[in-house]
Each structure stands twice: as structure tokens, then as C-alpha cells.
Protein backbone atom coordinates (compact mmCIF):
# COMPACT_ATOMS: atom_id res chain seq x y z
CA UNK A 1 0.00 0.00 0.00
CA UNK A 2 1.45 3.38 -1.00
CA UNK A 3 1.31 6.50 1.19
CA UNK A 4 -1.57 8.43 -0.35
CA UNK A 5 -3.60 5.23 -0.45
CA UNK A 6 -2.95 4.77 3.29
CA UNK A 7 -4.12 8.32 3.97
CA UNK A 8 -7.38 7.73 2.09
CA UNK A 9 -8.01 4.46 3.93
CA UNK A 10 -7.52 6.33 7.20
CA UNK A 11 -9.19 9.65 6.41
CA UNK A 12 -11.89 9.24 3.78
CA UNK A 13 -14.55 7.84 6.11
CA UNK A 14 -14.02 10.71 8.58
CA UNK A 15 -14.08 13.16 5.67
CA UNK A 16 -17.43 11.76 4.53
CA UNK A 17 -18.92 12.34 7.98
CA UNK A 18 -18.23 16.08 7.77
CA UNK A 19 -18.53 16.77 4.04
CA UNK A 20 -20.60 15.57 1.11
CA UNK A 21 -18.27 14.41 -1.66
CA UNK A 22 -19.56 14.57 -5.22
CA UNK A 23 -20.03 11.40 -7.26
CA UNK A 24 -16.73 12.08 -9.06
CA UNK A 25 -14.88 12.69 -5.81
CA UNK A 26 -16.25 9.47 -4.31
CA UNK A 27 -15.29 7.57 -7.46
CA UNK A 28 -11.74 8.96 -7.37
CA UNK A 29 -11.35 8.14 -3.67
CA UNK A 30 -12.67 4.61 -4.20
CA UNK A 31 -10.31 4.09 -7.14
CA UNK A 32 -7.29 5.28 -5.16
CA UNK A 33 -8.13 3.00 -2.24
CA UNK A 34 -8.67 -0.04 -4.48
CA UNK A 35 -5.77 0.55 -6.89
CA UNK A 36 -3.34 -2.41 -7.06
CA UNK A 37 -5.03 -3.99 -4.05
CA UNK A 38 -6.57 -6.94 -5.89
CA UNK A 39 -10.07 -5.56 -5.46
CA UNK A 40 -10.06 -4.46 -9.09
CA UNK A 41 -9.03 -7.91 -10.25
CA UNK A 42 -5.68 -9.42 -11.17
CA UNK A 43 -3.92 -10.34 -14.36
CA UNK A 44 -2.06 -13.60 -14.63
CA UNK A 45 1.05 -14.42 -16.67
CA UNK A 46 2.23 -18.01 -17.20
CA UNK A 47 5.56 -19.23 -18.58
CA UNK A 48 4.89 -21.50 -21.55
CA UNK A 49 8.18 -23.31 -20.91
CA UNK A 50 8.09 -24.13 -17.18
CA UNK A 51 4.50 -23.12 -16.29
CA UNK A 52 5.69 -20.65 -13.65
CA UNK A 53 2.77 -18.32 -12.77
CA UNK A 54 2.78 -14.65 -11.73
CA UNK A 55 -0.19 -12.68 -10.45
CA UNK A 56 -0.33 -8.86 -10.62
CA UNK A 57 -3.02 -6.66 -9.10
CA UNK A 58 -4.78 -4.38 -11.58
CA UNK A 59 -4.41 -0.60 -11.52
CA UNK A 60 -7.45 1.66 -11.25
CA UNK A 61 -6.43 3.88 -14.22
CA UNK A 62 -8.22 6.84 -12.67
CA UNK A 63 -6.68 10.09 -13.89
CA UNK A 64 -6.46 11.40 -10.33
CA UNK A 65 -4.56 8.39 -8.99
CA UNK A 66 -0.89 9.08 -8.18
CA UNK A 67 0.19 5.62 -9.37
CA UNK A 68 -1.48 5.50 -12.78
CA UNK A 69 -0.03 8.41 -14.76
CA UNK A 70 3.52 7.40 -15.78
CA UNK A 71 2.84 5.42 -18.95
CA UNK A 72 0.01 7.74 -20.02
CA UNK A 73 2.34 10.73 -19.74
CA UNK A 74 5.00 9.07 -21.90
CA UNK A 75 2.45 8.11 -24.56
CA UNK A 76 1.09 11.67 -24.62
CA UNK A 77 4.56 13.18 -24.96
CA UNK A 78 5.39 10.77 -27.77
CA UNK A 79 2.32 11.92 -29.70
CA UNK A 80 3.17 15.58 -29.09
CA UNK A 81 6.64 15.05 -30.59
CA UNK A 82 4.91 14.38 -33.90
CA UNK A 83 3.78 18.04 -33.76
CA UNK A 84 7.24 19.61 -33.48
CA UNK A 85 7.73 22.72 -35.62
CA UNK A 86 10.88 24.74 -36.22
CA UNK A 87 10.27 27.63 -33.83
CA UNK A 88 10.99 28.81 -30.29
CA UNK A 89 8.40 27.92 -27.65
CA UNK A 90 7.04 29.94 -24.75
CA UNK A 91 5.35 28.92 -21.50
CA UNK A 92 2.67 31.30 -20.20
CA UNK A 93 0.58 30.95 -17.04
CA UNK A 94 -2.86 32.49 -16.46
CA UNK A 95 -3.83 32.40 -12.74
CA UNK A 96 -7.24 33.51 -11.53
CA UNK A 97 -7.80 36.22 -8.87
CA UNK A 98 -8.43 34.90 -5.36
CA UNK A 99 -11.86 36.60 -5.23
CA UNK A 100 -13.09 34.37 -8.05
CA UNK A 101 -11.96 31.04 -6.61
CA UNK A 102 -15.14 30.24 -4.59
CA UNK A 103 -17.30 31.03 -7.62
CA UNK A 104 -15.12 28.91 -9.94
CA UNK A 105 -15.18 25.98 -7.52
CA UNK A 106 -18.98 26.13 -7.32
CA UNK A 107 -19.28 26.19 -11.14
CA UNK A 108 -16.34 24.04 -12.12
CA UNK A 109 -17.21 22.75 -15.59
CA UNK A 110 -18.77 26.02 -16.73
CA UNK A 111 -15.93 28.24 -15.53
CA UNK A 112 -13.05 25.86 -16.27
CA UNK A 113 -14.35 25.84 -19.84
CA UNK A 114 -14.51 29.63 -19.78
CA UNK A 115 -10.90 29.85 -18.54
CA UNK A 116 -9.72 27.72 -21.47
CA UNK A 117 -11.79 29.70 -23.96
CA UNK A 118 -10.62 33.11 -22.74
CA UNK A 119 -6.94 32.15 -22.61
CA UNK A 120 -6.97 30.78 -26.16
CA UNK A 121 -9.06 33.69 -27.49
CA UNK A 122 -6.67 36.20 -25.88
CA UNK A 123 -3.52 34.60 -27.27
CA UNK A 124 -4.93 34.01 -30.75
CA UNK A 125 -6.47 37.47 -31.08
CA UNK A 126 -3.23 39.20 -30.11
CA UNK A 127 -1.10 36.85 -32.22
CA UNK A 128 -3.17 37.58 -35.32
CA UNK A 129 -2.73 41.31 -34.81
CA UNK A 130 -0.45 42.85 -37.45
CA UNK A 131 1.48 44.68 -34.71
CA UNK A 132 2.64 41.38 -33.22
CA UNK A 133 2.90 38.04 -35.04
CA UNK A 134 0.22 38.54 -37.72
CA UNK A 135 -0.24 34.76 -37.81
CA UNK A 136 -1.94 31.91 -35.97
CA UNK A 137 0.37 30.02 -33.56
CA UNK A 138 -0.16 26.59 -32.01
CA UNK A 139 -1.34 26.39 -28.39
CA UNK A 140 -1.36 23.57 -25.85
CA UNK A 141 -3.29 24.47 -22.69
CA UNK A 142 -3.44 22.56 -19.41
CA UNK A 143 -5.73 23.31 -16.48
CA UNK A 144 -4.31 22.98 -12.97
CA UNK A 145 -6.32 23.73 -9.84
CA UNK A 146 -3.82 23.44 -7.00
CA UNK A 147 -1.02 25.23 -5.24
CA UNK A 148 1.91 23.57 -3.50
CA UNK A 149 0.02 23.30 -0.20
CA UNK A 150 -2.94 21.57 -1.94
CA UNK A 151 -4.92 24.81 -1.70
CA UNK A 152 -7.41 25.68 -4.44
CA UNK A 153 -5.59 27.77 -7.04
CA UNK A 154 -7.07 27.39 -10.57
CA UNK A 155 -4.78 28.44 -13.44
CA UNK A 156 -3.96 27.59 -17.04
CA UNK A 157 -0.51 26.57 -18.28
CA UNK A 158 -0.02 27.30 -21.97
CA UNK A 159 2.75 26.37 -24.41
CA UNK A 160 2.81 28.80 -27.36
CA UNK A 161 4.75 28.35 -30.59
CA UNK A 162 6.97 31.26 -31.60
CA UNK A 163 5.62 31.22 -35.13
CA UNK A 164 2.41 30.54 -36.99
CA UNK A 165 0.45 30.30 -40.22
CA UNK A 166 -0.58 33.54 -41.90
CA UNK A 167 -3.91 34.10 -43.66
CA UNK A 168 -2.09 33.33 -46.92
CA UNK A 169 -1.08 29.94 -45.42
CA UNK A 170 2.58 30.88 -45.16
CA UNK A 171 4.84 30.22 -42.18
CA UNK A 172 5.98 33.22 -40.17
CA UNK A 173 8.58 33.20 -37.38
CA UNK A 174 8.23 35.34 -34.28
CA UNK A 175 10.96 37.31 -32.61
CA UNK A 176 13.27 35.33 -30.34
CA UNK A 177 11.73 36.99 -27.26
CA UNK A 178 8.06 36.64 -26.41
CA UNK A 179 6.11 38.45 -29.10
CA UNK A 180 3.02 39.54 -27.15
CA UNK A 181 2.95 42.46 -24.66
CA UNK A 182 2.01 41.31 -21.16
CA UNK A 183 -0.03 44.45 -20.47
CA UNK A 184 -2.26 43.73 -23.47
CA UNK A 185 -2.60 40.06 -22.43
CA UNK A 186 -3.72 41.03 -18.93
CA UNK A 187 -6.29 43.56 -20.10
CA UNK A 188 -7.76 41.40 -22.87
CA UNK A 189 -7.96 38.23 -20.78
CA UNK A 190 -9.62 40.08 -17.89
CA UNK A 191 -12.13 41.74 -20.21
CA UNK A 192 -13.09 38.54 -22.01
CA UNK A 193 -13.54 36.54 -18.82
CA UNK A 194 -15.56 39.15 -16.92
CA UNK A 195 -17.75 39.93 -19.94
CA UNK A 196 -18.73 36.26 -20.26
CA UNK A 197 -19.08 35.88 -16.49
CA UNK A 198 -21.57 38.75 -16.45
CA UNK A 199 -23.54 37.10 -19.26
CA UNK A 200 -23.69 33.88 -17.22
CA UNK A 201 -24.95 35.80 -14.17
CA UNK A 202 -27.64 37.61 -16.18
CA UNK A 203 -28.84 34.34 -17.72
CA UNK A 204 -28.98 32.58 -14.34
CA UNK A 205 -26.28 30.03 -15.18
CA UNK A 206 -24.11 30.71 -12.13
CA UNK A 207 -24.56 28.81 -8.87
CA UNK A 208 -23.50 31.12 -6.05
CA UNK A 209 -21.61 29.59 -3.10
CA UNK A 210 -22.84 30.43 0.39
CA UNK A 211 -19.94 32.84 0.95
CA UNK A 212 -21.01 34.83 -2.14
CA UNK A 213 -24.76 34.50 -1.72
CA UNK A 214 -25.15 38.29 -1.58
CA UNK A 215 -24.14 38.47 -5.25
CA UNK A 216 -27.69 37.59 -6.29
CA UNK A 217 -28.33 41.29 -5.68
CA UNK A 218 -27.64 43.24 -8.92
CA UNK A 219 -25.97 46.10 -7.05
CA UNK A 220 -23.62 43.74 -5.20
CA UNK A 221 -22.86 41.85 -8.40
CA UNK A 222 -21.99 45.07 -10.21
CA UNK A 223 -19.69 46.13 -7.35
CA UNK A 224 -18.05 42.68 -7.32
CA UNK A 225 -17.32 42.84 -11.06
CA UNK A 226 -16.16 46.46 -10.76
CA UNK A 227 -13.62 45.44 -8.15
CA UNK A 228 -12.37 42.64 -10.40
CA UNK A 229 -12.03 45.04 -13.35
CA UNK A 230 -9.89 47.32 -11.19
CA UNK A 231 -7.52 44.52 -10.15
CA UNK A 232 -4.25 43.77 -11.92
CA UNK A 233 -4.75 40.28 -13.32
CA UNK A 234 -1.35 38.65 -13.63
CA UNK A 235 -0.68 36.33 -16.57
CA UNK A 236 3.06 35.86 -16.90
CA UNK A 237 5.67 34.21 -19.10
CA UNK A 238 7.35 31.47 -17.13
CA UNK A 239 9.90 29.99 -19.54
CA UNK A 240 11.30 30.36 -23.06
CA UNK A 241 12.58 27.28 -24.86
CA UNK A 242 14.85 26.75 -27.83
CA UNK A 243 12.89 24.07 -29.61
CA UNK A 244 9.84 21.97 -28.89
CA UNK A 245 11.90 19.09 -27.48
CA UNK A 246 13.01 21.19 -24.52
CA UNK A 247 9.49 22.53 -24.09
CA UNK A 248 8.10 18.98 -24.08
CA UNK A 249 10.51 17.79 -21.42
CA UNK A 250 9.38 20.70 -19.28
CA UNK A 251 5.70 20.30 -20.15
CA UNK A 252 5.83 16.64 -19.19
CA UNK A 253 6.00 17.78 -15.56
CA UNK A 254 2.57 19.39 -15.94
CA UNK A 255 0.42 17.28 -18.26
CA UNK A 256 -0.47 14.25 -16.16
CA UNK A 257 0.52 15.66 -12.81
CA UNK A 258 -2.01 15.33 -10.02
CA UNK A 259 -2.35 17.56 -6.96
CA UNK A 260 0.41 15.75 -5.04
CA UNK A 261 2.56 12.67 -5.56
CA UNK A 262 3.70 10.01 -3.12
CA UNK A 263 7.28 11.29 -3.31
CA UNK A 264 6.30 14.52 -1.55
CA UNK A 265 4.98 12.69 1.52
CA UNK A 266 7.69 13.05 4.19
CA UNK A 267 6.05 11.49 7.24
CA UNK A 268 2.88 9.60 8.02
CA UNK A 269 1.43 8.90 11.49
CA UNK A 270 -1.89 7.40 12.55
CA UNK A 271 -3.54 10.84 12.46
CA UNK A 272 -1.32 13.29 10.53
CA UNK A 273 0.60 13.58 7.29
CA UNK A 274 3.60 15.81 6.57
CA UNK A 275 4.46 16.75 3.01
CA UNK A 276 6.91 19.10 1.31
CA UNK A 277 5.75 22.30 -0.36
CA UNK A 278 7.52 25.23 -1.97
CA UNK A 279 6.75 28.71 -0.66
CA UNK A 280 6.05 30.87 -3.71
CA UNK A 281 7.34 34.06 -2.06
CA UNK A 282 10.57 32.83 -0.48
CA UNK A 283 11.20 29.94 -2.93
CA UNK A 284 12.08 27.82 0.10
CA UNK A 285 10.82 24.30 0.75
CA UNK A 286 8.46 23.93 3.72
CA UNK A 287 7.09 20.98 5.67
CA UNK A 288 3.28 21.11 5.92
CA UNK A 289 1.54 18.94 8.52
CA UNK A 290 -2.22 18.36 8.44
CA UNK A 291 -4.67 15.66 9.51
CA UNK A 292 -5.60 12.77 7.23
CA UNK A 293 -9.12 14.15 6.91
CA UNK A 294 -7.84 17.57 5.89
CA UNK A 295 -5.46 15.98 3.37
CA UNK A 296 -8.36 14.08 1.80
CA UNK A 297 -10.46 17.28 1.71
CA UNK A 298 -7.73 19.25 -0.04
CA UNK A 299 -6.91 16.42 -2.45
CA UNK A 300 -10.52 15.93 -3.53
CA UNK A 301 -10.98 19.64 -4.29
CA UNK A 302 -8.91 18.96 -7.42
CA UNK A 303 -11.00 16.11 -8.84
CA UNK A 304 -12.23 17.31 -12.23
CA UNK A 305 -15.84 17.11 -13.49
CA UNK A 306 -16.77 13.96 -15.38
CA UNK A 307 -15.47 13.97 -18.94
CA UNK A 308 -13.73 17.31 -18.58
CA UNK A 309 -10.74 17.74 -20.92
CA UNK A 310 -8.02 19.49 -18.96
CA UNK A 311 -5.58 19.45 -21.92
CA UNK A 312 -6.74 21.33 -25.01
CA UNK A 313 -5.30 22.41 -28.36
CA UNK A 314 -5.87 25.61 -30.29
CA UNK A 315 -4.54 27.57 -33.26
CA UNK A 316 -2.89 25.42 -35.91
CA UNK A 317 -2.92 22.56 -33.35
CA UNK A 318 -6.74 22.56 -33.29
CA UNK A 319 -7.70 18.89 -33.47
CA UNK A 320 -9.90 19.28 -36.54
CA UNK A 321 -7.15 20.64 -38.84
CA UNK A 322 -4.01 19.63 -36.95
CA UNK A 323 -2.71 16.99 -39.38
CA UNK A 324 -3.15 19.06 -42.53
CA UNK A 325 -1.64 22.13 -40.83
CA UNK A 326 1.40 20.20 -39.64
CA UNK A 327 2.01 18.71 -43.10
CA UNK A 328 1.88 22.20 -44.60
CA UNK A 329 4.23 23.62 -41.96
CA UNK A 330 6.64 20.73 -42.51
CA UNK A 331 6.69 21.52 -46.23
CA UNK A 332 7.08 25.28 -45.72
CA UNK A 333 9.91 24.91 -43.20
CA UNK A 334 11.59 21.93 -44.93
CA UNK A 335 11.51 19.99 -41.68
CA UNK A 336 10.40 16.36 -41.57
CA UNK A 337 7.81 15.45 -38.97
CA UNK A 338 8.82 13.15 -36.13
CA UNK A 339 7.25 9.69 -36.13
CA UNK A 340 5.74 8.39 -32.90
CA UNK A 341 7.78 5.58 -31.36
CA UNK A 342 5.24 4.14 -28.96
CA UNK A 343 1.96 4.38 -30.88
CA UNK A 344 1.77 0.77 -32.12
CA UNK A 345 3.93 -0.96 -29.51
CA UNK A 346 2.39 -3.84 -27.54
CA UNK A 347 2.56 -3.53 -23.77
CA UNK A 348 5.66 -5.75 -23.61
CA UNK A 349 7.55 -3.51 -26.02
CA UNK A 350 6.32 -0.35 -24.32
CA UNK A 351 7.52 -1.41 -20.86
CA UNK A 352 10.83 -2.58 -22.29
CA UNK A 353 11.39 0.75 -24.07
CA UNK A 354 10.28 2.99 -21.23
CA UNK A 355 11.52 1.13 -18.16
CA UNK A 356 13.97 -1.50 -19.50
CA UNK A 357 11.69 -4.15 -18.02
CA UNK A 358 11.17 -7.27 -20.11
CA UNK A 359 8.01 -8.91 -18.77
CA UNK A 360 8.50 -11.83 -21.18
CA UNK A 361 11.45 -13.15 -19.16
CA UNK A 362 10.52 -15.88 -16.68
CA UNK A 363 12.11 -15.31 -13.24
CA UNK A 364 12.09 -19.07 -12.71
CA UNK A 365 13.68 -20.59 -15.84
CA UNK A 366 15.12 -17.41 -17.40
CA UNK A 367 13.46 -18.02 -20.76
CA UNK A 368 11.28 -15.56 -22.67
CA UNK A 369 8.13 -17.61 -22.31
CA UNK A 370 6.03 -15.44 -19.97
CA UNK A 371 2.66 -14.78 -21.59
CA UNK A 372 -0.69 -13.40 -20.37
CA UNK A 373 -3.18 -16.13 -19.56
CA UNK A 374 -6.01 -14.06 -20.99
CA UNK A 375 -7.97 -14.31 -17.75
CA UNK A 376 -8.69 -11.72 -15.03
CA UNK A 377 -10.07 -12.65 -11.65
CA UNK A 378 -11.69 -10.07 -9.34
CA UNK A 379 -10.96 -10.48 -5.66
CA UNK A 380 -13.90 -11.75 -3.62
CA UNK A 381 -14.92 -9.60 -0.66
């Protein structure tokens, strides 16, 4: 049993006595507690030479489970390498003001969607402006909802290509430094988000949390939005990369990351858990100690709505026209597209390539006769 799984076994029942988890939160918690325990079934491999048998507990494959993301991340990165273009890459981050966090949490799917839409619309509109790039770049956007202390902190990470396709379907490079002015990004993003938020309020689409219940009054709502318009929203450029390969290595830390991993757990007692966290102001590492129940509460705040796509693609990487755009860009830049290495590999080849683990080798006779039996047995309660 791994550490986060232990914490859920200890704290989830107590959490449920004080809070009402959503269906998705309960499903994620149940998956984490049952992952690799045998309760989700087992797969059996038998050596065809000596009949040696191995039994392995099945994983839950839940996207919020800390033990089920490694292979998925590598497969995703391999596919993204097929989209490499000859350009610099930039990493931008769009955090949301603290005043909006309760409202976003209460309307997760609606407002997470809006965050994605406003970030992409801001970057594409400015990029297509003749004063800046005058072309359509490629965007990869990833929603994260947590801070280092597991607090609720929704924000969008975005990788932007330093080049794009013009209206005449020609390739245009950007300057080596980031080509969009931050002041314009802040103002446009803020305006787009608050304009749409006001439309949602007027149409009755927003569910107000108890702490913001007074916002059902038009005067209070207007004052709330006015305060947000006056604030300095703070999108920022985090990194600049020379080439998509470097950007991908960096992006891999963000794509399939969950709120916290087992490696950050420093100490675990019967009632408390201590984990490491970076202080954003001092840049120092801290030790945070909280109860199991509080850990479960904070962890489950970051369970996404059912079916929600946290990774999205825009610009010339828009899924509908991605392949044709990339072929054109490859031709215009005289750069051959990378071919995915892992796409058609069977599981044996994938594990051998990624982890140098050959699951065909029998630990008993040393031959390469280990094969799946084709049968899965769930554990009986």
C-alpha cells in the first residue's frame, strides 16, 4: 500500500462524515483506495516453458490516482513530438484572482471551460494582430487547480509556438523573445472573462456559493465585477525554450501531474501527514503537517468534473485541422515530422522501451516464455 492510499483508507470515512463528496470525488477516492489492491481484479502471466505463474493486481487507471499516470504521460509526450515545428516555444501561465476562486469551484465545468476559452481567445487574437505576429500560432493548454500546499488555485498553463500560419497559409517566425505584450494580455484576458461571467450571471447560469450569496443582488454583483475590473490580473511568461523538445521535457512535468505525488509525503502517522511544499514568495521548501481528513479534503478539491478535458489544443494545433496544418508547416519549413515511437507498440515492447523491463522473461527458468493467460479474476470480498 502506498502512502496516499494509506491516507485515504484512514481519512476518507471521517471526511465523509463532515462533508458531502460529489459522485466524481467518491469515485476517485474509491479508485485510489482499491488501486493495485486486488479488489479491481488481477492479471495472470504463465511461462509456456516451465509453467511458472505470476499474479499482478490491476491498476485503477483513474486520472487522479498518483500511481497511474507514468505510462500515459510518456504516450502523450510521444504523440506531441509528432507536432514539433521549427520555432521557439514559450510557456505562459494564467492564474485567476483569489476573489473568483469560490465562484469557480462552485461552477467548475462552466468556468473551467470559460478559462480555457478566454486564454486561447486572448492569445490568438493578439497573435493575429499585425502589430505582433500577424499569424496563428499553435497552443497547448493545461488546467491545474492546485497550489503547492494543496490549496485551491485554478490556473492555465499554456505552451505557445513562436511562429504561426498567416492568412495566406505561409509560415511566419516570431521574434526570439516573447512576441506579445504582457499588459495587453492582462487587459484582454480580464475583459473577455468578466464579460462572459456577467452574461452567465444575467442568464442565471451561475450557482453562487454560500460565501457569495449576496451576489444575487444586482448592485452587489456590479460592485463585485467592478472590483475585479480594477484589479491587476497577472498572466506571466514562465519559460522560453529553444525548440519543442526542450518545451516537451518541461511540459511533461505538468500534463499528467495530479495535486500531489507520493514522493512529496515526508512522514505519516496514525492521524497526521507531513508533506513538502515550496513557498512561492521565499522559494524555500516547507514541511506542511495536516490531519488525514484535511489531506483528503484538499486532495478531492482537485478532482475534475466527469469527462472534462483538462488538456486542449488551439490555433494550428486545433484537433480538426491539426494533421493538414502540420504537413503544410513541414513543407514550408523543410523539416520532416517526427514519427511516434510508442503508438503501435504492444505492452511488452512499451515497458521494455520505457523502463527496461522485459516482462517476457521468466524469473524461474530465465526463458522468454512469460505470456498473459487471458484471464482476469476479481478479488472476492
